[in-house]
Amino acid sequence: MKFSKAFNNNVALVEDPSGTEWIVMGTGVGFQRKKGDPIPEENIRRKFVAEQSSTRRPLMQVLDEIDSEVLDVSVEIIKNAEAELGVTFNNNSYLTLADHLNFAVKRANERVDYPDTNRWEVKNLYSKEYAAAKNAIRQVFDRLDVLLPKSEETFITYHFVNGQQERKTDIEETLKMTEVINRIIEIVQYHFQVKLDEDSLNYTRFITHLRYFFIRQFKQEQGDPEEVDVTLLEVVKNKYEKAYRAVEKISHLLLKQYGWTLSSNEILYLTLHVWRVTNRSAK
């Protein structure tokens, strides 16, 4: 890899022997280097092809428009969030977050804020990512002396949720997931006339199950190809009849509004999750 251009001390444009340009990230990869200087592979923590873009604007334009300090703090935020959440984000996460924060900082300095109507849902559906987003806002304040508005807790949470998915996705998709999960929670609570315990382990398991179901739908993947025995499904239906009826309502919603069909496996597992999350004696 040969050095071409520095965006800051830790982000640079390089070229490989085949002439392909890459964006590389790593401690000191852009520090006091001249065009043509070699970049040792061991110094590179992340890299991706320069022609790829995580936004609708050309990648090089995106990088040129991002303040170098914002880019630095974005890299730190992703690194800390990975450690906090125990995940590895995809490469696009760095630039999408940096691009977002660049505009967020400008808006904060101009005292411009956007309405946030999803904070409650996001805080409860993605509690770990939400906590990491609050820490990210503290990092921005500590590094840049800019206090981002409360709405950024939600927007940064979406970035952290998106970054964990194996394929390229966008905020719109995560908003859709949040909306649908919220509708399902409403169906279950109304059907059972209860307020679900959001701090319970069963609630966490329920939400996790739903999130992975929706990721499969977005990726157009099928679940377990081996369908459950209809006899077993009938046993669950009879034993947990009220939970099964709630799942029927959920199934109707998903089919009518999104064209998604629940398999026998999903009906079975979802019924068990609904029973657990509504049965306070269940562990």
C-alpha atoms as a PDB file:
ATOM      1  CA  MET A   1       0.000   0.000   0.000  1.00  0.00           C
ATOM      2  CA  LYS A   2       1.327   3.428  -0.962  1.00  0.00           C
ATOM      3  CA  PHE A   3       0.183   6.659   0.649  1.00  0.00           C
ATOM      4  CA  SER A   4      -1.801   9.116  -1.521  1.00  0.00           C
ATOM      5  CA  LYS A   5      -3.637  11.538   0.760  1.00  0.00           C
ATOM      6  CA  ALA A   6      -4.372  12.095   4.448  1.00  0.00           C
ATOM      7  CA  PHE A   7      -7.821  12.981   5.737  1.00  0.00           C
ATOM      8  CA  ASN A   8      -6.395  13.184   9.250  1.00  0.00           C
ATOM      9  CA  ASN A   9      -3.670  11.446  11.235  1.00  0.00           C
ATOM     10  CA  ASN A  10      -5.588   8.171  11.379  1.00  0.00           C
ATOM     11  CA  VAL A  11      -7.453   8.044   8.049  1.00  0.00           C
ATOM     12  CA  ALA A  12      -5.781   8.064   4.645  1.00  0.00           C
ATOM     13  CA  LEU A  13      -6.216   7.297   0.965  1.00  0.00           C
ATOM     14  CA  VAL A  14      -3.776   4.672  -0.325  1.00  0.00           C
ATOM     15  CA  GLU A  15      -3.187   2.724  -3.507  1.00  0.00           C
ATOM     16  CA  ASP A  16      -2.383  -0.975  -3.811  1.00  0.00           C
ATOM     17  CA  PRO A  17      -0.040  -2.504  -6.446  1.00  0.00           C
ATOM     18  CA  SER A  18      -2.958  -3.050  -8.847  1.00  0.00           C
ATOM     19  CA  GLY A  19      -3.828   0.654  -8.788  1.00  0.00           C
ATOM     20  CA  THR A  20      -6.983   0.244  -6.669  1.00  0.00           C
ATOM     21  CA  GLU A  21      -7.550   3.065  -4.196  1.00  0.00           C
ATOM     22  CA  TRP A  22      -8.478   2.244  -0.603  1.00  0.00           C
ATOM     23  CA  ILE A  23      -9.530   4.219   2.433  1.00  0.00           C
ATOM     24  CA  VAL A  24      -7.524   2.923   5.393  1.00  0.00           C
ATOM     25  CA  MET A  25      -7.867   3.573   9.093  1.00  0.00           C
ATOM     26  CA  GLY A  26      -5.305   2.994  11.792  1.00  0.00           C
ATOM     27  CA  THR A  27      -3.156   4.838  14.276  1.00  0.00           C
ATOM     28  CA  GLY A  28      -0.852   7.234  12.442  1.00  0.00           C
ATOM     29  CA  VAL A  29      -1.563   6.017   8.885  1.00  0.00           C
ATOM     30  CA  GLY A  30      -1.890   9.618   7.699  1.00  0.00           C
ATOM     31  CA  PHE A  31       0.639  11.285   9.976  1.00  0.00           C
ATOM     32  CA  GLN A  32       3.444  13.233   8.217  1.00  0.00           C
ATOM     33  CA  ARG A  33       3.538  10.984   5.182  1.00  0.00           C
ATOM     34  CA  LYS A  34       4.430  11.957   1.628  1.00  0.00           C
ATOM     35  CA  LYS A  35       2.796  10.717  -1.553  1.00  0.00           C
ATOM     36  CA  GLY A  36       4.198   7.309  -2.435  1.00  0.00           C
ATOM     37  CA  ASP A  37       5.316   6.434   1.124  1.00  0.00           C
ATOM     38  CA  PRO A  38       4.615   2.794   2.021  1.00  0.00           C
ATOM     39  CA  ILE A  39       1.926   2.052   4.617  1.00  0.00           C
ATOM     40  CA  PRO A  40       2.756  -1.088   6.624  1.00  0.00           C
ATOM     41  CA  GLU A  41      -0.181  -3.530   6.686  1.00  0.00           C
ATOM     42  CA  GLU A  42       0.217  -3.938  10.448  1.00  0.00           C
ATOM     43  CA  ASN A  43      -0.709  -0.254  10.900  1.00  0.00           C
ATOM     44  CA  ILE A  44      -4.034  -0.683   9.104  1.00  0.00           C
ATOM     45  CA  ARG A  45      -7.021  -1.490  11.313  1.00  0.00           C
ATOM     46  CA  ARG A  46      -9.768  -1.104   8.707  1.00  0.00           C
ATOM     47  CA  LYS A  47      -9.833  -0.654   4.946  1.00  0.00           C
ATOM     48  CA  PHE A  48     -12.406  -0.444   2.178  1.00  0.00           C
ATOM     49  CA  VAL A  49     -12.407   0.370  -1.520  1.00  0.00           C
ATOM     50  CA  ALA A  50     -12.477   4.129  -2.098  1.00  0.00           C
ATOM     51  CA  GLU A  51     -15.105   3.879  -4.830  1.00  0.00           C
ATOM     52  CA  GLN A  52     -17.642   2.404  -2.417  1.00  0.00           C
ATOM     53  CA  SER A  53     -19.957   4.897  -0.772  1.00  0.00           C
ATOM     54  CA  SER A  54     -22.116   4.529   2.300  1.00  0.00           C
ATOM     55  CA  THR A  55     -24.086   7.629   1.324  1.00  0.00           C
ATOM     56  CA  ARG A  56     -25.598   8.959  -1.868  1.00  0.00           C
ATOM     57  CA  ARG A  57     -22.605  11.241  -2.419  1.00  0.00           C
ATOM     58  CA  PRO A  58     -19.231  10.115  -3.797  1.00  0.00           C
ATOM     59  CA  LEU A  59     -17.035   8.720  -1.036  1.00  0.00           C
ATOM     60  CA  MET A  60     -14.155  11.103  -1.621  1.00  0.00           C
ATOM     61  CA  GLN A  61     -16.552  14.045  -1.466  1.00  0.00           C
ATOM     62  CA  VAL A  62     -17.974  12.737   1.809  1.00  0.00           C
ATOM     63  CA  LEU A  63     -14.525  12.463   3.378  1.00  0.00           C
ATOM     64  CA  ASP A  64     -13.412  15.882   2.149  1.00  0.00           C
ATOM     65  CA  GLU A  65     -16.503  17.467   3.697  1.00  0.00           C
ATOM     66  CA  ILE A  66     -16.066  15.865   7.135  1.00  0.00           C
ATOM     67  CA  ASP A  67     -14.127  17.883   9.697  1.00  0.00           C
ATOM     68  CA  SER A  68     -10.957  15.992  10.653  1.00  0.00           C
ATOM     69  CA  GLU A  69     -11.756  16.200  14.391  1.00  0.00           C
ATOM     70  CA  VAL A  70     -15.233  14.820  13.774  1.00  0.00           C
ATOM     71  CA  LEU A  71     -13.718  11.964  11.780  1.00  0.00           C
ATOM     72  CA  ASP A  72     -11.314  11.220  14.625  1.00  0.00           C
ATOM     73  CA  VAL A  73     -14.009  11.177  17.292  1.00  0.00           C
ATOM     74  CA  SER A  74     -16.226   9.002  15.063  1.00  0.00           C
ATOM     75  CA  VAL A  75     -13.498   6.372  14.857  1.00  0.00           C
ATOM     76  CA  GLU A  76     -13.128   6.487  18.660  1.00  0.00           C
ATOM     77  CA  ILE A  77     -16.884   6.209  19.152  1.00  0.00           C
ATOM     78  CA  ILE A  78     -17.145   3.123  16.932  1.00  0.00           C
ATOM     79  CA  LYS A  79     -14.154   1.514  18.635  1.00  0.00           C
ATOM     80  CA  ASN A  80     -15.618   2.123  22.109  1.00  0.00           C
ATOM     81  CA  ALA A  81     -19.101   1.013  21.045  1.00  0.00           C
ATOM     82  CA  GLU A  82     -17.697  -2.244  19.651  1.00  0.00           C
ATOM     83  CA  ALA A  83     -16.075  -2.963  23.020  1.00  0.00           C
ATOM     84  CA  GLU A  84     -19.198  -1.931  24.933  1.00  0.00           C
ATOM     85  CA  LEU A  85     -21.596  -4.007  22.811  1.00  0.00           C
ATOM     86  CA  GLY A  86     -19.264  -6.924  22.133  1.00  0.00           C
ATOM     87  CA  VAL A  87     -19.710  -6.665  18.354  1.00  0.00           C
ATOM     88  CA  THR A  88     -17.733  -5.739  15.245  1.00  0.00           C
ATOM     89  CA  PHE A  89     -19.365  -3.100  13.075  1.00  0.00           C
ATOM     90  CA  ASN A  90     -19.185  -3.162   9.304  1.00  0.00           C
ATOM     91  CA  ASN A  91     -16.809  -0.728   7.584  1.00  0.00           C
ATOM     92  CA  ASN A  92     -19.625   1.525   6.413  1.00  0.00           C
ATOM     93  CA  SER A  93     -20.398   2.362  10.045  1.00  0.00           C
ATOM     94  CA  TYR A  94     -17.370   4.635  10.304  1.00  0.00           C
ATOM     95  CA  LEU A  95     -18.311   6.861   7.419  1.00  0.00           C
ATOM     96  CA  THR A  96     -22.083   6.872   7.940  1.00  0.00           C
ATOM     97  CA  LEU A  97     -21.580   7.875  11.573  1.00  0.00           C
ATOM     98  CA  ALA A  98     -18.892  10.454  10.741  1.00  0.00           C
ATOM     99  CA  ASP A  99     -21.059  11.934   7.992  1.00  0.00           C
ATOM    100  CA  HIS A 100     -24.029  12.086  10.359  1.00  0.00           C
ATOM    101  CA  LEU A 101     -22.044  13.602  13.229  1.00  0.00           C
ATOM    102  CA  ASN A 102     -20.533  16.208  10.928  1.00  0.00           C
ATOM    103  CA  PHE A 103     -23.993  17.582  10.179  1.00  0.00           C
ATOM    104  CA  ALA A 104     -25.202  17.004  13.757  1.00  0.00           C
ATOM    105  CA  VAL A 105     -22.384  19.154  15.131  1.00  0.00           C
ATOM    106  CA  LYS A 106     -23.203  21.909  12.632  1.00  0.00           C
ATOM    107  CA  ARG A 107     -26.888  21.757  13.576  1.00  0.00           C
ATOM    108  CA  ALA A 108     -26.032  21.843  17.282  1.00  0.00           C
ATOM    109  CA  ASN A 109     -23.868  24.931  16.786  1.00  0.00           C
ATOM    110  CA  GLU A 110     -26.752  26.554  14.924  1.00  0.00           C
ATOM    111  CA  ARG A 111     -29.198  25.344  17.613  1.00  0.00           C
ATOM    112  CA  VAL A 112     -31.227  23.379  15.105  1.00  0.00           C
ATOM    113  CA  ASP A 113     -32.923  20.188  16.310  1.00  0.00           C
ATOM    114  CA  TYR A 114     -35.246  17.629  14.779  1.00  0.00           C
ATOM    115  CA  PRO A 115     -38.326  16.215  16.524  1.00  0.00           C
ATOM    116  CA  ASP A 116     -37.804  12.745  17.951  1.00  0.00           C
ATOM    117  CA  THR A 117     -40.995  10.730  18.303  1.00  0.00           C
ATOM    118  CA  ASN A 118     -39.367   7.303  18.672  1.00  0.00           C
ATOM    119  CA  ARG A 119     -37.152   7.736  21.757  1.00  0.00           C
ATOM    120  CA  TRP A 120     -39.285   5.600  24.057  1.00  0.00           C
ATOM    121  CA  GLU A 121     -39.458   2.708  21.582  1.00  0.00           C
ATOM    122  CA  VAL A 122     -35.754   2.907  20.726  1.00  0.00           C
ATOM    123  CA  LYS A 123     -34.704   3.091  24.371  1.00  0.00           C
ATOM    124  CA  ASN A 124     -36.637  -0.090  25.148  1.00  0.00           C
ATOM    125  CA  LEU A 125     -36.084  -2.065  21.950  1.00  0.00           C
ATOM    126  CA  TYR A 126     -32.355  -1.357  21.681  1.00  0.00           C
ATOM    127  CA  SER A 127     -31.374  -0.650  25.275  1.00  0.00           C
ATOM    128  CA  LYS A 128     -27.673  -1.586  24.906  1.00  0.00           C
ATOM    129  CA  GLU A 129     -27.216   0.405  21.713  1.00  0.00           C
ATOM    130  CA  TYR A 130     -29.089   3.312  23.307  1.00  0.00           C
ATOM    131  CA  ALA A 131     -26.694   3.323  26.272  1.00  0.00           C
ATOM    132  CA  ALA A 132     -23.745   3.269  23.853  1.00  0.00           C
ATOM    133  CA  ALA A 133     -25.285   6.217  21.972  1.00  0.00           C
ATOM    134  CA  LYS A 134     -25.483   8.244  25.185  1.00  0.00           C
ATOM    135  CA  ASN A 135     -21.803   7.501  25.781  1.00  0.00           C
ATOM    136  CA  ALA A 136     -21.059   8.624  22.218  1.00  0.00           C
ATOM    137  CA  ILE A 137     -22.719  11.969  22.891  1.00  0.00           C
ATOM    138  CA  ARG A 138     -20.524  12.378  25.969  1.00  0.00           C
ATOM    139  CA  GLN A 139     -17.452  11.640  23.819  1.00  0.00           C
ATOM    140  CA  VAL A 140     -18.472  14.332  21.343  1.00  0.00           C
ATOM    141  CA  PHE A 141     -18.877  16.813  24.197  1.00  0.00           C
ATOM    142  CA  ASP A 142     -15.530  15.869  25.773  1.00  0.00           C
ATOM    143  CA  ARG A 143     -13.606  16.016  22.466  1.00  0.00           C
ATOM    144  CA  LEU A 144     -15.364  18.800  20.560  1.00  0.00           C
ATOM    145  CA  ASP A 145     -17.016  20.795  23.344  1.00  0.00           C
ATOM    146  CA  VAL A 146     -20.342  20.460  21.500  1.00  0.00           C
ATOM    147  CA  LEU A 147     -23.460  19.241  23.306  1.00  0.00           C
ATOM    148  CA  LEU A 148     -25.624  17.359  20.823  1.00  0.00           C
ATOM    149  CA  PRO A 149     -29.417  17.557  21.301  1.00  0.00           C
ATOM    150  CA  LYS A 150     -31.382  14.792  22.995  1.00  0.00           C
ATOM    151  CA  SER A 151     -32.714  13.553  19.649  1.00  0.00           C
ATOM    152  CA  GLU A 152     -29.207  12.361  18.731  1.00  0.00           C
ATOM    153  CA  GLU A 153     -29.532   9.574  21.304  1.00  0.00           C
ATOM    154  CA  THR A 154     -32.103   7.989  18.994  1.00  0.00           C
ATOM    155  CA  PHE A 155     -30.319   8.718  15.714  1.00  0.00           C
ATOM    156  CA  ILE A 156     -26.958   7.358  16.913  1.00  0.00           C
ATOM    157  CA  THR A 157     -28.709   4.276  18.317  1.00  0.00           C
ATOM    158  CA  TYR A 158     -29.996   3.564  14.809  1.00  0.00           C
ATOM    159  CA  HIS A 159     -26.435   3.766  13.476  1.00  0.00           C
ATOM    160  CA  PHE A 160     -25.277   1.214  16.042  1.00  0.00           C
ATOM    161  CA  VAL A 161     -28.148  -1.153  15.226  1.00  0.00           C
ATOM    162  CA  ASN A 162     -27.496  -0.859  11.481  1.00  0.00           C
ATOM    163  CA  GLY A 163     -23.760  -1.378  11.872  1.00  0.00           C
ATOM    164  CA  GLN A 164     -24.218  -4.809  13.433  1.00  0.00           C
ATOM    165  CA  GLN A 165     -26.129  -6.237  10.507  1.00  0.00           C
ATOM    166  CA  GLU A 166     -24.126  -8.332   8.084  1.00  0.00           C
ATOM    167  CA  ARG A 167     -25.292  -6.512   4.990  1.00  0.00           C
ATOM    168  CA  LYS A 168     -25.515  -2.875   3.986  1.00  0.00           C
ATOM    169  CA  THR A 169     -28.729  -1.378   5.301  1.00  0.00           C
ATOM    170  CA  ASP A 170     -30.113   2.033   6.097  1.00  0.00           C
ATOM    171  CA  ILE A 171     -31.886   4.023   8.769  1.00  0.00           C
ATOM    172  CA  GLU A 172     -35.234   3.693   6.996  1.00  0.00           C
ATOM    173  CA  GLU A 173     -35.129  -0.076   7.400  1.00  0.00           C
ATOM    174  CA  THR A 174     -34.374   0.157  11.101  1.00  0.00           C
ATOM    175  CA  LEU A 175     -37.221   2.640  11.529  1.00  0.00           C
ATOM    176  CA  LYS A 176     -39.519   0.121   9.880  1.00  0.00           C
ATOM    177  CA  MET A 177     -38.293  -2.617  12.220  1.00  0.00           C
ATOM    178  CA  THR A 178     -38.888  -0.376  15.220  1.00  0.00           C
ATOM    179  CA  GLU A 179     -42.376   0.492  14.029  1.00  0.00           C
ATOM    180  CA  VAL A 180     -43.391  -3.138  13.476  1.00  0.00           C
ATOM    181  CA  ILE A 181     -41.990  -4.369  16.795  1.00  0.00           C
ATOM    182  CA  ASN A 182     -43.834  -1.577  18.552  1.00  0.00           C
ATOM    183  CA  ARG A 183     -47.086  -2.625  16.846  1.00  0.00           C
ATOM    184  CA  ILE A 184     -46.555  -6.229  17.947  1.00  0.00           C
ATOM    185  CA  ILE A 185     -45.950  -5.134  21.542  1.00  0.00           C
ATOM    186  CA  GLU A 186     -49.188  -3.146  21.385  1.00  0.00           C
ATOM    187  CA  ILE A 187     -51.105  -6.188  20.078  1.00  0.00           C
ATOM    188  CA  VAL A 188     -49.777  -8.419  22.864  1.00  0.00           C
ATOM    189  CA  GLN A 189     -50.473  -5.872  25.612  1.00  0.00           C
ATOM    190  CA  TYR A 190     -53.973  -5.142  24.330  1.00  0.00           C
ATOM    191  CA  HIS A 191     -54.785  -8.837  23.822  1.00  0.00           C
ATOM    192  CA  PHE A 192     -53.717  -9.730  27.376  1.00  0.00           C
ATOM    193  CA  GLN A 193     -54.674  -6.370  28.922  1.00  0.00           C
ATOM    194  CA  VAL A 194     -51.267  -6.157  30.628  1.00  0.00           C
ATOM    195  CA  LYS A 195     -48.245  -3.889  30.639  1.00  0.00           C
ATOM    196  CA  LEU A 196     -45.192  -5.970  29.759  1.00  0.00           C
ATOM    197  CA  ASP A 197     -42.249  -5.871  32.126  1.00  0.00           C
ATOM    198  CA  GLU A 198     -39.546  -4.251  29.984  1.00  0.00           C
ATOM    199  CA  ASP A 199     -36.844  -5.132  32.511  1.00  0.00           C
ATOM    200  CA  SER A 200     -37.545  -8.862  32.464  1.00  0.00           C
ATOM    201  CA  LEU A 201     -35.346 -11.448  30.782  1.00  0.00           C
ATOM    202  CA  ASN A 202     -38.328 -12.824  28.875  1.00  0.00           C
ATOM    203  CA  TYR A 203     -39.048  -9.387  27.398  1.00  0.00           C
ATOM    204  CA  THR A 204     -35.432  -9.130  26.218  1.00  0.00           C
ATOM    205  CA  ARG A 205     -35.648 -12.601  24.662  1.00  0.00           C
ATOM    206  CA  PHE A 206     -38.927 -11.684  22.961  1.00  0.00           C
ATOM    207  CA  ILE A 207     -37.496  -8.516  21.423  1.00  0.00           C
ATOM    208  CA  THR A 208     -34.328 -10.329  20.323  1.00  0.00           C
ATOM    209  CA  HIS A 209     -36.426 -13.022  18.626  1.00  0.00           C
ATOM    210  CA  LEU A 210     -38.438 -10.372  16.780  1.00  0.00           C
ATOM    211  CA  ARG A 211     -35.346  -8.470  15.679  1.00  0.00           C
ATOM    212  CA  TYR A 212     -33.765 -11.564  14.134  1.00  0.00           C
ATOM    213  CA  PHE A 213     -37.060 -12.482  12.480  1.00  0.00           C
ATOM    214  CA  PHE A 214     -37.190  -9.074  10.801  1.00  0.00           C
ATOM    215  CA  ILE A 215     -33.541  -9.202   9.747  1.00  0.00           C
ATOM    216  CA  ARG A 216     -34.315 -12.510   7.999  1.00  0.00           C
ATOM    217  CA  GLN A 217     -37.302 -10.900   6.291  1.00  0.00           C
ATOM    218  CA  PHE A 218     -35.224  -7.940   5.102  1.00  0.00           C
ATOM    219  CA  LYS A 219     -32.540 -10.314   3.828  1.00  0.00           C
ATOM    220  CA  GLN A 220     -35.255 -12.491   2.263  1.00  0.00           C
ATOM    221  CA  GLU A 221     -33.908 -15.533   4.064  1.00  0.00           C
ATOM    222  CA  GLN A 222     -35.992 -18.454   5.180  1.00  0.00           C
ATOM    223  CA  GLY A 223     -35.855 -19.731   8.733  1.00  0.00           C
ATOM    224  CA  ASP A 224     -35.337 -23.378   9.614  1.00  0.00           C
ATOM    225  CA  PRO A 225     -36.351 -25.274   6.422  1.00  0.00           C
ATOM    226  CA  GLU A 226     -37.530 -28.245   8.503  1.00  0.00           C
ATOM    227  CA  GLU A 227     -41.064 -27.417   9.618  1.00  0.00           C
ATOM    228  CA  VAL A 228     -42.215 -28.495  13.048  1.00  0.00           C
ATOM    229  CA  ASP A 229     -44.541 -31.454  13.460  1.00  0.00           C
ATOM    230  CA  VAL A 230     -48.149 -30.235  13.185  1.00  0.00           C
ATOM    231  CA  THR A 231     -48.949 -32.369  16.221  1.00  0.00           C
ATOM    232  CA  LEU A 232     -46.488 -30.348  18.323  1.00  0.00           C
ATOM    233  CA  LEU A 233     -47.959 -27.102  17.020  1.00  0.00           C
ATOM    234  CA  GLU A 234     -51.434 -28.362  17.956  1.00  0.00           C
ATOM    235  CA  VAL A 235     -50.221 -29.171  21.471  1.00  0.00           C
ATOM    236  CA  VAL A 236     -48.818 -25.662  21.895  1.00  0.00           C
ATOM    237  CA  LYS A 237     -52.009 -24.177  20.434  1.00  0.00           C
ATOM    238  CA  ASN A 238     -54.169 -26.008  22.962  1.00  0.00           C
ATOM    239  CA  LYS A 239     -51.886 -25.476  25.950  1.00  0.00           C
ATOM    240  CA  TYR A 240     -51.251 -21.773  25.311  1.00  0.00           C
ATOM    241  CA  GLU A 241     -54.463 -20.889  23.504  1.00  0.00           C
ATOM    242  CA  LYS A 242     -54.520 -17.203  24.432  1.00  0.00           C
ATOM    243  CA  ALA A 243     -50.911 -16.697  23.353  1.00  0.00           C
ATOM    244  CA  TYR A 244     -51.658 -18.546  20.109  1.00  0.00           C
ATOM    245  CA  ARG A 245     -54.610 -16.233  19.404  1.00  0.00           C
ATOM    246  CA  ALA A 246     -52.344 -13.229  19.928  1.00  0.00           C
ATOM    247  CA  VAL A 247     -49.878 -14.684  17.407  1.00  0.00           C
ATOM    248  CA  GLU A 248     -52.738 -15.115  14.933  1.00  0.00           C
ATOM    249  CA  LYS A 249     -53.395 -11.372  15.216  1.00  0.00           C
ATOM    250  CA  ILE A 250     -49.676 -10.671  14.747  1.00  0.00           C
ATOM    251  CA  SER A 251     -49.594 -12.956  11.716  1.00  0.00           C
ATOM    252  CA  HIS A 252     -52.586 -11.150  10.204  1.00  0.00           C
ATOM    253  CA  LEU A 253     -50.886  -7.772  10.724  1.00  0.00           C
ATOM    254  CA  LEU A 254     -47.622  -8.891   9.104  1.00  0.00           C
ATOM    255  CA  LEU A 255     -49.380 -10.413   6.112  1.00  0.00           C
ATOM    256  CA  LYS A 256     -51.784  -7.526   5.537  1.00  0.00           C
ATOM    257  CA  GLN A 257     -49.340  -4.646   5.950  1.00  0.00           C
ATOM    258  CA  TYR A 258     -45.983  -6.130   4.906  1.00  0.00           C
ATOM    259  CA  GLY A 259     -46.738  -9.262   2.911  1.00  0.00           C
ATOM    260  CA  TRP A 260     -44.819 -11.448   5.357  1.00  0.00           C
ATOM    261  CA  THR A 261     -46.061 -14.957   6.114  1.00  0.00           C
ATOM    262  CA  LEU A 262     -45.204 -16.706   9.368  1.00  0.00           C
ATOM    263  CA  SER A 263     -43.997 -20.286   8.988  1.00  0.00           C
ATOM    264  CA  SER A 264     -45.156 -23.048  11.326  1.00  0.00           C
ATOM    265  CA  ASN A 265     -41.820 -22.712  13.132  1.00  0.00           C
ATOM    266  CA  GLU A 266     -42.286 -18.981  13.652  1.00  0.00           C
ATOM    267  CA  ILE A 267     -45.851 -19.463  14.895  1.00  0.00           C
ATOM    268  CA  LEU A 268     -44.654 -22.073  17.379  1.00  0.00           C
ATOM    269  CA  TYR A 269     -41.690 -20.088  18.713  1.00  0.00           C
ATOM    270  CA  LEU A 270     -43.578 -16.810  18.760  1.00  0.00           C
ATOM    271  CA  THR A 271     -46.424 -18.407  20.715  1.00  0.00           C
ATOM    272  CA  LEU A 272     -43.964 -19.646  23.334  1.00  0.00           C
ATOM    273  CA  HIS A 273     -42.315 -16.219  23.551  1.00  0.00           C
ATOM    274  CA  VAL A 274     -45.677 -14.480  23.918  1.00  0.00           C
ATOM    275  CA  TRP A 275     -46.694 -16.906  26.657  1.00  0.00           C
ATOM    276  CA  ARG A 276     -43.418 -16.377  28.536  1.00  0.00           C
ATOM    277  CA  VAL A 277     -43.470 -12.593  28.275  1.00  0.00           C
ATOM    278  CA  THR A 278     -47.065 -12.412  29.533  1.00  0.00           C
ATOM    279  CA  ASN A 279     -46.746 -15.068  32.243  1.00  0.00           C
ATOM    280  CA  ARG A 280     -45.015 -13.461  35.204  1.00  0.00           C
ATOM    281  CA  SER A 281     -44.266 -16.842  36.799  1.00  0.00           C
ATOM    282  CA  ALA A 282     -42.338 -18.019  33.720  1.00  0.00           C
ATOM    283  CA  LYS A 283     -38.546 -17.906  33.987  1.00  0.00           C
END
